[in-house]
Amino acid sequence: MTKLSLGKVESFIKDLDEKPELKQEFEANPKATLKRIASLDTPIKDIWVYRLVVTALSLVVLIVVIGLLIKDEKEVMGEQVFTIINSLASLSIGALAGLLAPSPGKQDSE
């Protein structure tokens, strides 16, 4: 059974007021309409998508670390390149943290 959050319910009520075709569908068959709406906003259950994103971001971090090691051996790289590499590393680490952190809306209150 799909659990509906308060945000989804409020969004559904707003959509009922704004979309007459949804209101007609809901009046004709409320149970089927609620099931359809609840299934629309489900998160991606394909774990390969998350694995691909984590792998790509991890590769960026790895490339940045290798780039910094090369920079230390060859002092030919300019200061701007170092700043760009540092920015990419920070971005990738932040994206990984955001992806792996639990969403506050998904906490069950049972």
PDB file of N, CA and C in Angstrom:
ATOM      1  N   MET A   1       0.841  -1.178   0.000  1.00  0.00           N
ATOM      2  CA  MET A   1       0.000   0.000   0.000  1.00  0.00           C
ATOM      3  C   MET A   1       0.886   1.241   0.000  1.00  0.00           C
ATOM      4  N   THR A   2       0.530   2.205  -0.779  1.00  0.00           N
ATOM      5  CA  THR A   2       1.297   3.439  -0.905  1.00  0.00           C
ATOM      6  C   THR A   2       0.872   4.440   0.156  1.00  0.00           C
ATOM      7  N   LYS A   3       1.880   4.983   0.866  1.00  0.00           N
ATOM      8  CA  LYS A   3       1.583   6.008   1.865  1.00  0.00           C
ATOM      9  C   LYS A   3       1.625   7.375   1.193  1.00  0.00           C
ATOM     10  N   LEU A   4       0.656   8.197   1.510  1.00  0.00           N
ATOM     11  CA  LEU A   4       0.625   9.559   0.979  1.00  0.00           C
ATOM     12  C   LEU A   4       1.067  10.530   2.061  1.00  0.00           C
ATOM     13  N   SER A   5       1.984  11.400   1.711  1.00  0.00           N
ATOM     14  CA  SER A   5       2.411  12.419   2.654  1.00  0.00           C
ATOM     15  C   SER A   5       1.426  13.583   2.618  1.00  0.00           C
ATOM     16  N   LEU A   6       1.507  14.420   3.622  1.00  0.00           N
ATOM     17  CA  LEU A   6       0.628  15.581   3.691  1.00  0.00           C
ATOM     18  C   LEU A   6       0.861  16.508   2.500  1.00  0.00           C
ATOM     19  N   GLY A   7       2.100  16.619   2.072  1.00  0.00           N
ATOM     20  CA  GLY A   7       2.414  17.455   0.913  1.00  0.00           C
ATOM     21  C   GLY A   7       1.748  16.953  -0.355  1.00  0.00           C
ATOM     22  N   LYS A   8       1.734  15.625  -0.531  1.00  0.00           N
ATOM     23  CA  LYS A   8       1.072  15.053  -1.706  1.00  0.00           C
ATOM     24  C   LYS A   8      -0.427  15.300  -1.660  1.00  0.00           C
ATOM     25  N   VAL A   9      -1.007  15.170  -0.474  1.00  0.00           N
ATOM     26  CA  VAL A   9      -2.451  15.382  -0.335  1.00  0.00           C
ATOM     27  C   VAL A   9      -2.793  16.839  -0.630  1.00  0.00           C
ATOM     28  N   GLU A  10      -2.008  17.763  -0.078  1.00  0.00           N
ATOM     29  CA  GLU A  10      -2.263  19.183  -0.331  1.00  0.00           C
ATOM     30  C   GLU A  10      -2.096  19.512  -1.813  1.00  0.00           C
ATOM     31  N   SER A  11      -1.094  18.916  -2.447  1.00  0.00           N
ATOM     32  CA  SER A  11      -0.881  19.131  -3.875  1.00  0.00           C
ATOM     33  C   SER A  11      -2.042  18.562  -4.690  1.00  0.00           C
ATOM     34  N   PHE A  12      -2.553  17.404  -4.272  1.00  0.00           N
ATOM     35  CA  PHE A  12      -3.678  16.784  -4.972  1.00  0.00           C
ATOM     36  C   PHE A  12      -4.931  17.648  -4.844  1.00  0.00           C
ATOM     37  N   ILE A  13      -5.184  18.185  -3.660  1.00  0.00           N
ATOM     38  CA  ILE A  13      -6.352  19.053  -3.452  1.00  0.00           C
ATOM     39  C   ILE A  13      -6.233  20.311  -4.318  1.00  0.00           C
ATOM     40  N   LYS A  14      -5.041  20.869  -4.383  1.00  0.00           N
ATOM     41  CA  LYS A  14      -4.824  22.052  -5.224  1.00  0.00           C
ATOM     42  C   LYS A  14      -5.060  21.714  -6.698  1.00  0.00           C
ATOM     43  N   ASP A  15      -4.565  20.544  -7.128  1.00  0.00           N
ATOM     44  CA  ASP A  15      -4.783  20.115  -8.517  1.00  0.00           C
ATOM     45  C   ASP A  15      -6.257  19.891  -8.805  1.00  0.00           C
ATOM     46  N   LEU A  16      -7.005  19.385  -7.826  1.00  0.00           N
ATOM     47  CA  LEU A  16      -8.448  19.191  -8.014  1.00  0.00           C
ATOM     48  C   LEU A  16      -9.146  20.521  -8.272  1.00  0.00           C
ATOM     49  N   ASP A  17      -8.717  21.549  -7.559  1.00  0.00           N
ATOM     50  CA  ASP A  17      -9.324  22.870  -7.743  1.00  0.00           C
ATOM     51  C   ASP A  17      -8.943  23.500  -9.084  1.00  0.00           C
ATOM     52  N   GLU A  18      -7.728  23.220  -9.550  1.00  0.00           N
ATOM     53  CA  GLU A  18      -7.229  23.887 -10.753  1.00  0.00           C
ATOM     54  C   GLU A  18      -7.509  23.131 -12.046  1.00  0.00           C
ATOM     55  N   LYS A  19      -7.674  21.814 -11.973  1.00  0.00           N
ATOM     56  CA  LYS A  19      -7.828  21.010 -13.193  1.00  0.00           C
ATOM     57  C   LYS A  19      -9.198  20.343 -13.217  1.00  0.00           C
ATOM     58  N   PRO A  20     -10.098  20.840 -14.057  1.00  0.00           N
ATOM     59  CA  PRO A  20     -11.453  20.274 -14.100  1.00  0.00           C
ATOM     60  C   PRO A  20     -11.492  18.821 -14.575  1.00  0.00           C
ATOM     61  N   GLU A  21     -10.582  18.440 -15.473  1.00  0.00           N
ATOM     62  CA  GLU A  21     -10.594  17.049 -15.947  1.00  0.00           C
ATOM     63  C   GLU A  21     -10.205  16.074 -14.834  1.00  0.00           C
ATOM     64  N   LEU A  22      -9.282  16.498 -13.953  1.00  0.00           N
ATOM     65  CA  LEU A  22      -8.912  15.663 -12.810  1.00  0.00           C
ATOM     66  C   LEU A  22     -10.076  15.564 -11.831  1.00  0.00           C
ATOM     67  N   LYS A  23     -10.785  16.675 -11.646  1.00  0.00           N
ATOM     68  CA  LYS A  23     -11.937  16.673 -10.745  1.00  0.00           C
ATOM     69  C   LYS A  23     -13.023  15.731 -11.261  1.00  0.00           C
ATOM     70  N   GLN A  24     -13.263  15.740 -12.574  1.00  0.00           N
ATOM     71  CA  GLN A  24     -14.262  14.832 -13.154  1.00  0.00           C
ATOM     72  C   GLN A  24     -13.830  13.376 -12.995  1.00  0.00           C
ATOM     73  N   GLU A  25     -12.556  13.123 -13.235  1.00  0.00           N
ATOM     74  CA  GLU A  25     -12.044  11.759 -13.079  1.00  0.00           C
ATOM     75  C   GLU A  25     -12.178  11.297 -11.633  1.00  0.00           C
ATOM     76  N   PHE A  26     -11.876  12.196 -10.686  1.00  0.00           N
ATOM     77  CA  PHE A  26     -11.965  11.853  -9.267  1.00  0.00           C
ATOM     78  C   PHE A  26     -13.411  11.592  -8.859  1.00  0.00           C
ATOM     79  N   GLU A  27     -14.345  12.390  -9.367  1.00  0.00           N
ATOM     80  CA  GLU A  27     -15.757  12.188  -9.032  1.00  0.00           C
ATOM     81  C   GLU A  27     -16.282  10.884  -9.623  1.00  0.00           C
ATOM     82  N   ALA A  28     -15.789  10.508 -10.797  1.00  0.00           N
ATOM     83  CA  ALA A  28     -16.248   9.275 -11.439  1.00  0.00           C
ATOM     84  C   ALA A  28     -15.693   8.032 -10.744  1.00  0.00           C
ATOM     85  N   ASN A  29     -14.402   8.059 -10.403  1.00  0.00           N
ATOM     86  CA  ASN A  29     -13.781   6.889  -9.785  1.00  0.00           C
ATOM     87  C   ASN A  29     -12.678   7.347  -8.831  1.00  0.00           C
ATOM     88  N   PRO A  30     -13.037   7.676  -7.584  1.00  0.00           N
ATOM     89  CA  PRO A  30     -12.043   8.240  -6.656  1.00  0.00           C
ATOM     90  C   PRO A  30     -10.902   7.279  -6.314  1.00  0.00           C
ATOM     91  N   LYS A  31     -11.235   6.008  -6.133  1.00  0.00           N
ATOM     92  CA  LYS A  31     -10.212   5.046  -5.715  1.00  0.00           C
ATOM     93  C   LYS A  31      -9.131   4.886  -6.787  1.00  0.00           C
ATOM     94  N   ALA A  32      -9.547   4.708  -8.032  1.00  0.00           N
ATOM     95  CA  ALA A  32      -8.585   4.535  -9.121  1.00  0.00           C
ATOM     96  C   ALA A  32      -7.766   5.804  -9.343  1.00  0.00           C
ATOM     97  N   THR A  33      -8.402   6.953  -9.208  1.00  0.00           N
ATOM     98  CA  THR A  33      -7.692   8.223  -9.396  1.00  0.00           C
ATOM     99  C   THR A  33      -6.630   8.412  -8.318  1.00  0.00           C
ATOM    100  N   LEU A  34      -6.976   8.115  -7.076  1.00  0.00           N
ATOM    101  CA  LEU A  34      -6.003   8.243  -5.986  1.00  0.00           C
ATOM    102  C   LEU A  34      -4.833   7.285  -6.176  1.00  0.00           C
ATOM    103  N   LYS A  35      -5.114   6.067  -6.610  1.00  0.00           N
ATOM    104  CA  LYS A  35      -4.033   5.106  -6.851  1.00  0.00           C
ATOM    105  C   LYS A  35      -3.114   5.599  -7.968  1.00  0.00           C
ATOM    106  N   ARG A  36      -3.708   6.146  -9.028  1.00  0.00           N
ATOM    107  CA  ARG A  36      -2.912   6.633 -10.151  1.00  0.00           C
ATOM    108  C   ARG A  36      -2.039   7.811  -9.728  1.00  0.00           C
ATOM    109  N   ILE A  37      -2.624   8.735  -8.995  1.00  0.00           N
ATOM    110  CA  ILE A  37      -1.869   9.914  -8.548  1.00  0.00           C
ATOM    111  C   ILE A  37      -0.759   9.505  -7.580  1.00  0.00           C
ATOM    112  N   ALA A  38      -1.051   8.570  -6.681  1.00  0.00           N
ATOM    113  CA  ALA A  38      -0.043   8.130  -5.714  1.00  0.00           C
ATOM    114  C   ALA A  38       1.126   7.442  -6.406  1.00  0.00           C
ATOM    115  N   SER A  39       0.852   6.728  -7.478  1.00  0.00           N
ATOM    116  CA  SER A  39       1.930   6.019  -8.173  1.00  0.00           C
ATOM    117  C   SER A  39       2.762   6.946  -9.053  1.00  0.00           C
ATOM    118  N   LEU A  40       2.272   8.137  -9.367  1.00  0.00           N
ATOM    119  CA  LEU A  40       3.007   9.058 -10.238  1.00  0.00           C
ATOM    120  C   LEU A  40       4.255   9.619  -9.576  1.00  0.00           C
ATOM    121  N   ASP A  41       4.178   9.936  -8.311  1.00  0.00           N
ATOM    122  CA  ASP A  41       5.266  10.632  -7.632  1.00  0.00           C
ATOM    123  C   ASP A  41       6.194   9.702  -6.871  1.00  0.00           C
ATOM    124  N   THR A  42       6.191   8.422  -7.192  1.00  0.00           N
ATOM    125  CA  THR A  42       7.074   7.512  -6.478  1.00  0.00           C
ATOM    126  C   THR A  42       8.512   7.762  -6.912  1.00  0.00           C
ATOM    127  N   PRO A  43       9.453   7.639  -5.997  1.00  0.00           N
ATOM    128  CA  PRO A  43      10.851   7.870  -6.368  1.00  0.00           C
ATOM    129  C   PRO A  43      11.358   6.755  -7.285  1.00  0.00           C
ATOM    130  N   ILE A  44      12.457   7.022  -7.929  1.00  0.00           N
ATOM    131  CA  ILE A  44      13.044   6.036  -8.830  1.00  0.00           C
ATOM    132  C   ILE A  44      13.497   4.836  -8.009  1.00  0.00           C
ATOM    133  N   LYS A  45      13.061   3.655  -8.414  1.00  0.00           N
ATOM    134  CA  LYS A  45      13.425   2.453  -7.673  1.00  0.00           C
ATOM    135  C   LYS A  45      14.576   1.716  -8.341  1.00  0.00           C
ATOM    136  N   ASP A  46      15.065   2.251  -9.443  1.00  0.00           N
ATOM    137  CA  ASP A  46      16.159   1.626 -10.162  1.00  0.00           C
ATOM    138  C   ASP A  46      17.469   2.011  -9.488  1.00  0.00           C
ATOM    139  N   ILE A  47      18.086   1.063  -8.798  1.00  0.00           N
ATOM    140  CA  ILE A  47      19.307   1.392  -8.059  1.00  0.00           C
ATOM    141  C   ILE A  47      20.485   1.649  -8.988  1.00  0.00           C
ATOM    142  N   TRP A  48      20.405   1.222 -10.245  1.00  0.00           N
ATOM    143  CA  TRP A  48      21.501   1.458 -11.181  1.00  0.00           C
ATOM    144  C   TRP A  48      21.663   2.941 -11.479  1.00  0.00           C
ATOM    145  N   VAL A  49      20.588   3.690 -11.426  1.00  0.00           N
ATOM    146  CA  VAL A  49      20.693   5.135 -11.641  1.00  0.00           C
ATOM    147  C   VAL A  49      21.556   5.749 -10.546  1.00  0.00           C
ATOM    148  N   TYR A  50      21.290   5.370  -9.299  1.00  0.00           N
ATOM    149  CA  TYR A  50      22.073   5.901  -8.189  1.00  0.00           C
ATOM    150  C   TYR A  50      23.517   5.420  -8.265  1.00  0.00           C
ATOM    151  N   ARG A  51      23.710   4.168  -8.637  1.00  0.00           N
ATOM    152  CA  ARG A  51      25.073   3.650  -8.767  1.00  0.00           C
ATOM    153  C   ARG A  51      25.842   4.406  -9.839  1.00  0.00           C
ATOM    154  N   LEU A  52      25.187   4.695 -10.944  1.00  0.00           N
ATOM    155  CA  LEU A  52      25.833   5.428 -12.030  1.00  0.00           C
ATOM    156  C   LEU A  52      26.220   6.839 -11.588  1.00  0.00           C
ATOM    157  N   VAL A  53      25.325   7.508 -10.879  1.00  0.00           N
ATOM    158  CA  VAL A  53      25.607   8.869 -10.407  1.00  0.00           C
ATOM    159  C   VAL A  53      26.751   8.861  -9.401  1.00  0.00           C
ATOM    160  N   VAL A  54      26.713   7.935  -8.458  1.00  0.00           N
ATOM    161  CA  VAL A  54      27.776   7.860  -7.452  1.00  0.00           C
ATOM    162  C   VAL A  54      29.106   7.528  -8.118  1.00  0.00           C
ATOM    163  N   THR A  55      29.094   6.623  -9.086  1.00  0.00           N
ATOM    164  CA  THR A  55      30.324   6.268  -9.794  1.00  0.00           C
ATOM    165  C   THR A  55      30.884   7.469 -10.553  1.00  0.00           C
ATOM    166  N   ALA A  56      30.021   8.189 -11.249  1.00  0.00           N
ATOM    167  CA  ALA A  56      30.482   9.353 -12.013  1.00  0.00           C
ATOM    168  C   ALA A  56      31.064  10.425 -11.095  1.00  0.00           C
ATOM    169  N   LEU A  57      30.381  10.701 -10.000  1.00  0.00           N
ATOM    170  CA  LEU A  57      30.884  11.721  -9.074  1.00  0.00           C
ATOM    171  C   LEU A  57      32.171  11.259  -8.390  1.00  0.00           C
ATOM    172  N   SER A  58      32.253   9.972  -8.092  1.00  0.00           N
ATOM    173  CA  SER A  58      33.479   9.440  -7.492  1.00  0.00           C
ATOM    174  C   SER A  58      34.643   9.535  -8.470  1.00  0.00           C
ATOM    175  N   LEU A  59      34.368   9.297  -9.752  1.00  0.00           N
ATOM    176  CA  LEU A  59      35.414   9.443 -10.769  1.00  0.00           C
ATOM    177  C   LEU A  59      35.913  10.881 -10.851  1.00  0.00           C
ATOM    178  N   VAL A  60      35.006  11.825 -10.734  1.00  0.00           N
ATOM    179  CA  VAL A  60      35.420  13.237 -10.757  1.00  0.00           C
ATOM    180  C   VAL A  60      36.345  13.532  -9.582  1.00  0.00           C
ATOM    181  N   VAL A  61      35.989  13.037  -8.403  1.00  0.00           N
ATOM    182  CA  VAL A  61      36.838  13.253  -7.226  1.00  0.00           C
ATOM    183  C   VAL A  61      38.197  12.591  -7.438  1.00  0.00           C
ATOM    184  N   LEU A  62      38.207  11.379  -7.980  1.00  0.00           N
ATOM    185  CA  LEU A  62      39.458  10.665  -8.229  1.00  0.00           C
ATOM    186  C   LEU A  62      40.330  11.409  -9.238  1.00  0.00           C
ATOM    187  N   ILE A  63      39.723  11.901 -10.302  1.00  0.00           N
ATOM    188  CA  ILE A  63      40.471  12.656 -11.313  1.00  0.00           C
ATOM    189  C   ILE A  63      41.045  13.936 -10.711  1.00  0.00           C
ATOM    190  N   VAL A  64      40.283  14.567  -9.841  1.00  0.00           N
ATOM    191  CA  VAL A  64      40.768  15.790  -9.190  1.00  0.00           C
ATOM    192  C   VAL A  64      41.964  15.480  -8.299  1.00  0.00           C
ATOM    193  N   VAL A  65      41.887  14.381  -7.552  1.00  0.00           N
ATOM    194  CA  VAL A  65      43.005  14.012  -6.678  1.00  0.00           C
ATOM    195  C   VAL A  65      44.246  13.710  -7.518  1.00  0.00           C
ATOM    196  N   ILE A  66      44.063  12.964  -8.603  1.00  0.00           N
ATOM    197  CA  ILE A  66      45.194  12.666  -9.489  1.00  0.00           C
ATOM    198  C   ILE A  66      45.749  13.959 -10.090  1.00  0.00           C
ATOM    199  N   GLY A  67      44.858  14.862 -10.467  1.00  0.00           N
ATOM    200  CA  GLY A  67      45.297  16.149 -11.003  1.00  0.00           C
ATOM    201  C   GLY A  67      46.107  16.947  -9.997  1.00  0.00           C
ATOM    202  N   LEU A  68      45.697  16.906  -8.736  1.00  0.00           N
ATOM    203  CA  LEU A  68      46.452  17.621  -7.702  1.00  0.00           C
ATOM    204  C   LEU A  68      47.820  16.986  -7.478  1.00  0.00           C
ATOM    205  N   LEU A  69      47.882  15.657  -7.551  1.00  0.00           N
ATOM    206  CA  LEU A  69      49.177  14.990  -7.397  1.00  0.00           C
ATOM    207  C   LEU A  69      50.111  15.341  -8.553  1.00  0.00           C
ATOM    208  N   ILE A  70      49.570  15.392  -9.763  1.00  0.00           N
ATOM    209  CA  ILE A  70      50.378  15.766 -10.924  1.00  0.00           C
ATOM    210  C   ILE A  70      50.836  17.216 -10.798  1.00  0.00           C
ATOM    211  N   LYS A  71      49.965  18.070 -10.274  1.00  0.00           N
ATOM    212  CA  LYS A  71      50.312  19.482 -10.106  1.00  0.00           C
ATOM    213  C   LYS A  71      51.487  19.632  -9.145  1.00  0.00           C
ATOM    214  N   ASP A  72      51.487  18.815  -8.084  1.00  0.00           N
ATOM    215  CA  ASP A  72      52.579  18.916  -7.123  1.00  0.00           C
ATOM    216  C   ASP A  72      53.905  18.474  -7.735  1.00  0.00           C
ATOM    217  N   GLU A  73      53.861  17.509  -8.672  1.00  0.00           N
ATOM    218  CA  GLU A  73      55.099  17.056  -9.298  1.00  0.00           C
ATOM    219  C   GLU A  73      55.568  18.022 -10.383  1.00  0.00           C
ATOM    220  N   LYS A  74      54.637  18.541 -11.154  1.00  0.00           N
ATOM    221  CA  LYS A  74      54.979  19.473 -12.236  1.00  0.00           C
ATOM    222  C   LYS A  74      54.342  20.816 -11.914  1.00  0.00           C
ATOM    223  N   GLU A  75      55.135  21.766 -11.580  1.00  0.00           N
ATOM    224  CA  GLU A  75      54.622  23.077 -11.202  1.00  0.00           C
ATOM    225  C   GLU A  75      54.334  23.946 -12.424  1.00  0.00           C
ATOM    226  N   VAL A  76      53.902  23.326 -13.524  1.00  0.00           N
ATOM    227  CA  VAL A  76      53.633  24.072 -14.742  1.00  0.00           C
ATOM    228  C   VAL A  76      52.201  24.572 -14.792  1.00  0.00           C
ATOM    229  N   MET A  77      51.314  23.973 -14.039  1.00  0.00           N
ATOM    230  CA  MET A  77      49.899  24.351 -14.093  1.00  0.00           C
ATOM    231  C   MET A  77      49.709  25.715 -13.435  1.00  0.00           C
ATOM    232  N   GLY A  78      48.840  26.517 -14.024  1.00  0.00           N
ATOM    233  CA  GLY A  78      48.582  27.843 -13.491  1.00  0.00           C
ATOM    234  C   GLY A  78      47.661  27.804 -12.285  1.00  0.00           C
ATOM    235  N   GLU A  79      47.552  28.931 -11.627  1.00  0.00           N
ATOM    236  CA  GLU A  79      46.698  29.036 -10.434  1.00  0.00           C
ATOM    237  C   GLU A  79      45.223  28.887 -10.789  1.00  0.00           C
ATOM    238  N   GLN A  80      44.820  29.301 -11.984  1.00  0.00           N
ATOM    239  CA  GLN A  80      43.418  29.177 -12.399  1.00  0.00           C
ATOM    240  C   GLN A  80      43.015  27.718 -12.533  1.00  0.00           C
ATOM    241  N   VAL A  81      43.888  26.892 -13.055  1.00  0.00           N
ATOM    242  CA  VAL A  81      43.588  25.467 -13.205  1.00  0.00           C
ATOM    243  C   VAL A  81      43.408  24.838 -11.831  1.00  0.00           C
ATOM    244  N   PHE A  82      44.247  25.210 -10.890  1.00  0.00           N
ATOM    245  CA  PHE A  82      44.116  24.692  -9.530  1.00  0.00           C
ATOM    246  C   PHE A  82      42.772  25.101  -8.924  1.00  0.00           C
ATOM    247  N   THR A  83      42.333  26.325  -9.165  1.00  0.00           N
ATOM    248  CA  THR A  83      41.045  26.798  -8.654  1.00  0.00           C
ATOM    249  C   THR A  83      39.893  26.019  -9.277  1.00  0.00           C
ATOM    250  N   ILE A  84      39.977  25.751 -10.574  1.00  0.00           N
ATOM    251  CA  ILE A  84      38.929  24.981 -11.251  1.00  0.00           C
ATOM    252  C   ILE A  84      38.872  23.562 -10.702  1.00  0.00           C
ATOM    253  N   ILE A  85      40.029  22.945 -10.519  1.00  0.00           N
ATOM    254  CA  ILE A  85      40.067  21.581  -9.979  1.00  0.00           C
ATOM    255  C   ILE A  85      39.492  21.560  -8.568  1.00  0.00           C
ATOM    256  N   ASN A  86      39.835  22.551  -7.774  1.00  0.00           N
ATOM    257  CA  ASN A  86      39.314  22.633  -6.412  1.00  0.00           C
ATOM    258  C   ASN A  86      37.794  22.797  -6.420  1.00  0.00           C
ATOM    259  N   SER A  87      37.282  23.609  -7.322  1.00  0.00           N
ATOM    260  CA  SER A  87      35.833  23.808  -7.427  1.00  0.00           C
ATOM    261  C   SER A  87      35.125  22.525  -7.839  1.00  0.00           C
ATOM    262  N   LEU A  88      35.688  21.798  -8.795  1.00  0.00           N
ATOM    263  CA  LEU A  88      35.093  20.527  -9.222  1.00  0.00           C
ATOM    264  C   LEU A  88      35.072  19.510  -8.085  1.00  0.00           C
ATOM    265  N   ALA A  89      36.144  19.469  -7.313  1.00  0.00           N
ATOM    266  CA  ALA A  89      36.186  18.535  -6.186  1.00  0.00           C
ATOM    267  C   ALA A  89      35.124  18.893  -5.156  1.00  0.00           C
ATOM    268  N   SER A  90      34.996  20.166  -4.843  1.00  0.00           N
ATOM    269  CA  SER A  90      33.984  20.596  -3.872  1.00  0.00           C
ATOM    270  C   SER A  90      32.581  20.296  -4.373  1.00  0.00           C
ATOM    271  N   LEU A  91      32.338  20.540  -5.646  1.00  0.00           N
ATOM    272  CA  LEU A  91      31.039  20.267  -6.241  1.00  0.00           C
ATOM    273  C   LEU A  91      30.707  18.780  -6.176  1.00  0.00           C
ATOM    274  N   SER A  92      31.661  17.940  -6.516  1.00  0.00           N
ATOM    275  CA  SER A  92      31.418  16.496  -6.514  1.00  0.00           C
ATOM    276  C   SER A  92      31.173  15.968  -5.108  1.00  0.00           C
ATOM    277  N   ILE A  93      31.936  16.431  -4.158  1.00  0.00           N
ATOM    278  CA  ILE A  93      31.742  15.982  -2.778  1.00  0.00           C
ATOM    279  C   ILE A  93      30.390  16.450  -2.256  1.00  0.00           C
ATOM    280  N   GLY A  94      30.007  17.675  -2.573  1.00  0.00           N
ATOM    281  CA  GLY A  94      28.689  18.171  -2.161  1.00  0.00           C
ATOM    282  C   GLY A  94      27.557  17.399  -2.809  1.00  0.00           C
ATOM    283  N   ALA A  95      27.715  17.065  -4.089  1.00  0.00           N
ATOM    284  CA  ALA A  95      26.678  16.290  -4.780  1.00  0.00           C
ATOM    285  C   ALA A  95      26.565  14.889  -4.195  1.00  0.00           C
ATOM    286  N   LEU A  96      27.686  14.264  -3.889  1.00  0.00           N
ATOM    287  CA  LEU A  96      27.649  12.939  -3.259  1.00  0.00           C
ATOM    288  C   LEU A  96      26.969  13.004  -1.897  1.00  0.00           C
ATOM    289  N   ALA A  97      27.291  14.019  -1.120  1.00  0.00           N
ATOM    290  CA  ALA A  97      26.667  14.156   0.196  1.00  0.00           C
ATOM    291  C   ALA A  97      25.168  14.380   0.065  1.00  0.00           C
ATOM    292  N   GLY A  98      24.757  15.200  -0.889  1.00  0.00           N
ATOM    293  CA  GLY A  98      23.334  15.447  -1.095  1.00  0.00           C
ATOM    294  C   GLY A  98      22.593  14.227  -1.580  1.00  0.00           C
ATOM    295  N   LEU A  99      23.245  13.418  -2.396  1.00  0.00           N
ATOM    296  CA  LEU A  99      22.607  12.216  -2.920  1.00  0.00           C
ATOM    297  C   LEU A  99      22.476  11.149  -1.847  1.00  0.00           C
ATOM    298  N   LEU A 100      23.483  11.020  -1.007  1.00  0.00           N
ATOM    299  CA  LEU A 100      23.496   9.938  -0.029  1.00  0.00           C
ATOM    300  C   LEU A 100      22.812  10.298   1.283  1.00  0.00           C
ATOM    301  N   ALA A 101      22.585  11.568   1.540  1.00  0.00           N
ATOM    302  CA  ALA A 101      21.920  11.976   2.780  1.00  0.00           C
ATOM    303  C   ALA A 101      20.441  11.605   2.720  1.00  0.00           C
ATOM    304  N   PRO A 102      19.894  11.126   3.828  1.00  0.00           N
ATOM    305  CA  PRO A 102      18.464  10.773   3.815  1.00  0.00           C
ATOM    306  C   PRO A 102      17.595  12.015   3.707  1.00  0.00           C
ATOM    307  N   SER A 103      16.509  11.881   2.987  1.00  0.00           N
ATOM    308  CA  SER A 103      15.583  12.991   2.808  1.00  0.00           C
ATOM    309  C   SER A 103      14.743  13.163   4.069  1.00  0.00           C
ATOM    310  N   PRO A 104      14.570  14.387   4.573  1.00  0.00           N
ATOM    311  CA  PRO A 104      13.777  14.568   5.791  1.00  0.00           C
ATOM    312  C   PRO A 104      12.308  14.224   5.587  1.00  0.00           C
ATOM    313  N   GLY A 105      11.812  14.262   4.371  1.00  0.00           N
ATOM    314  CA  GLY A 105      10.413  13.947   4.105  1.00  0.00           C
ATOM    315  C   GLY A 105      10.122  12.465   4.099  1.00  0.00           C
ATOM    316  N   LYS A 106      11.153  11.626   4.107  1.00  0.00           N
ATOM    317  CA  LYS A 106      10.947  10.192   4.018  1.00  0.00           C
ATOM    318  C   LYS A 106      10.981   9.500   5.373  1.00  0.00           C
ATOM    319  N   GLN A 107      11.054  10.241   6.448  1.00  0.00           N
ATOM    320  CA  GLN A 107      11.077   9.626   7.768  1.00  0.00           C
ATOM    321  C   GLN A 107       9.689   9.122   8.115  1.00  0.00           C
ATOM    322  N   ASP A 108       9.633   7.869   8.529  1.00  0.00           N
ATOM    323  CA  ASP A 108       8.350   7.287   8.921  1.00  0.00           C
ATOM    324  C   ASP A 108       8.047   7.626  10.371  1.00  0.00           C
ATOM    325  N   SER A 109       6.828   7.998  10.631  1.00  0.00           N
ATOM    326  CA  SER A 109       6.431   8.333  12.002  1.00  0.00           C
ATOM    327  C   SER A 109       5.489   7.263  12.528  1.00  0.00           C
ATOM    328  N   GLU A 110       5.976   6.028  12.571  1.00  0.00           N
ATOM    329  CA  GLU A 110       5.146   4.930  13.063  1.00  0.00           C
ATOM    330  C   GLU A 110       5.527   4.596  14.477  1.00  0.00           C
TER     331      GLU A 110
END
